[in-house]
Amino acid sequence: MNGWGWFTMSIGTVLLWALLITVAVLLYRTLNRPLEAPRTPPAASAEQLLAERFARGEIDEEQYRRSLAVLRGDGPTLAKH
């Protein structure tokens, strides 16, 4: 083998080891990942959503108060058939 053969073989060996080490590190990190579910922000309550709609002007004060009373259980409810 001439000088270039040794050079390319050396570079190939270094690249092979770099690839093997990278795969080993990624595999280690994947297998040791915590099994916890990702934390999601808590869902807004119905009263919060109603207050946001009122603040945006989607509903008027009368509708807001009626809906809030229904949510809290001290307002009129729909009759079941």
Protein backbone atom coordinates (compact mmCIF):
# COMPACT_ATOMS: atom_id res chain seq x y z
CA MET A 1 0.00 0.00 0.00
CA ASN A 2 1.27 3.47 -0.78
CA GLY A 3 1.00 6.57 1.46
CA TRP A 4 -2.52 7.44 0.38
CA GLY A 5 -3.80 3.96 1.21
CA TRP A 6 -2.59 4.25 4.79
CA PHE A 7 -4.08 7.74 5.03
CA THR A 8 -7.51 6.71 3.78
CA MET A 9 -7.49 3.59 5.96
CA SER A 10 -6.65 5.75 9.01
CA ILE A 11 -9.43 8.24 8.23
CA GLY A 12 -11.86 5.36 7.66
CA THR A 13 -10.95 3.82 11.01
CA VAL A 14 -11.43 7.14 12.82
CA LEU A 15 -14.82 7.66 11.12
CA LEU A 16 -15.87 4.10 11.97
CA TRP A 17 -15.04 4.60 15.65
CA ALA A 18 -16.79 7.98 15.68
CA LEU A 19 -19.90 6.37 14.20
CA LEU A 20 -19.84 3.49 16.69
CA ILE A 21 -19.38 5.84 19.66
CA THR A 22 -22.20 8.10 18.42
CA VAL A 23 -24.57 5.15 18.05
CA ALA A 24 -23.63 3.87 21.51
CA VAL A 25 -24.22 7.28 23.14
CA LEU A 26 -27.57 7.75 21.39
CA LEU A 27 -28.67 4.25 22.34
CA TYR A 28 -27.63 4.82 25.96
CA ARG A 29 -29.51 8.13 26.13
CA THR A 30 -32.62 6.59 24.57
CA LEU A 31 -32.70 3.62 26.93
CA ASN A 32 -32.10 5.75 30.04
CA ARG A 33 -34.79 8.32 29.26
CA PRO A 34 -37.26 8.74 32.15
CA LEU A 35 -40.58 7.04 31.60
CA GLU A 36 -42.59 10.03 32.89
CA ALA A 37 -45.19 11.51 30.64
CA PRO A 38 -44.46 15.06 29.54
CA ARG A 39 -46.09 17.63 31.75
CA THR A 40 -48.93 19.50 30.14
CA PRO A 41 -50.42 22.69 31.46
CA PRO A 42 -53.62 22.17 33.44
CA ALA A 43 -56.81 22.57 31.48
CA ALA A 44 -58.81 25.71 32.07
CA SER A 45 -61.97 25.27 34.09
CA ALA A 46 -65.37 25.98 32.62
CA GLU A 47 -65.66 29.14 34.71
CA GLN A 48 -62.30 30.39 33.41
CA LEU A 49 -63.34 29.76 29.82
CA LEU A 50 -66.63 31.55 30.42
CA ALA A 51 -64.79 34.52 31.97
CA GLU A 52 -62.44 34.66 28.96
CA ARG A 53 -65.38 34.70 26.54
CA PHE A 54 -66.96 37.52 28.54
CA ALA A 55 -63.67 39.46 28.59
CA ARG A 56 -63.33 39.12 24.81
CA GLY A 57 -66.87 40.39 24.34
CA GLU A 58 -68.22 37.18 22.84
CA ILE A 59 -71.08 37.12 25.35
CA ASP A 60 -72.85 39.90 27.26
CA GLU A 61 -73.10 40.29 31.03
CA GLU A 62 -76.56 38.71 31.24
CA GLN A 63 -75.45 35.60 29.36
CA TYR A 64 -72.28 35.46 31.48
CA ARG A 65 -74.24 35.59 34.76
CA ARG A 66 -76.80 33.01 33.58
CA SER A 67 -74.10 30.62 32.41
CA LEU A 68 -72.09 31.12 35.58
CA ALA A 69 -75.15 30.34 37.71
CA VAL A 70 -75.76 27.16 35.73
CA LEU A 71 -72.13 26.09 36.12
CA ARG A 72 -72.24 26.67 39.86
CA GLY A 73 -75.50 24.71 40.14
CA ASP A 74 -77.75 27.51 41.41
CA GLY A 75 -79.32 28.47 38.12
CA PRO A 76 -81.96 27.03 35.82
CA THR A 77 -81.13 23.75 34.14
CA LEU A 78 -82.54 22.19 31.02
CA ALA A 79 -85.36 19.72 31.53
CA LYS A 80 -84.65 16.19 30.31
CA HIS A 81 -87.21 14.54 28.08
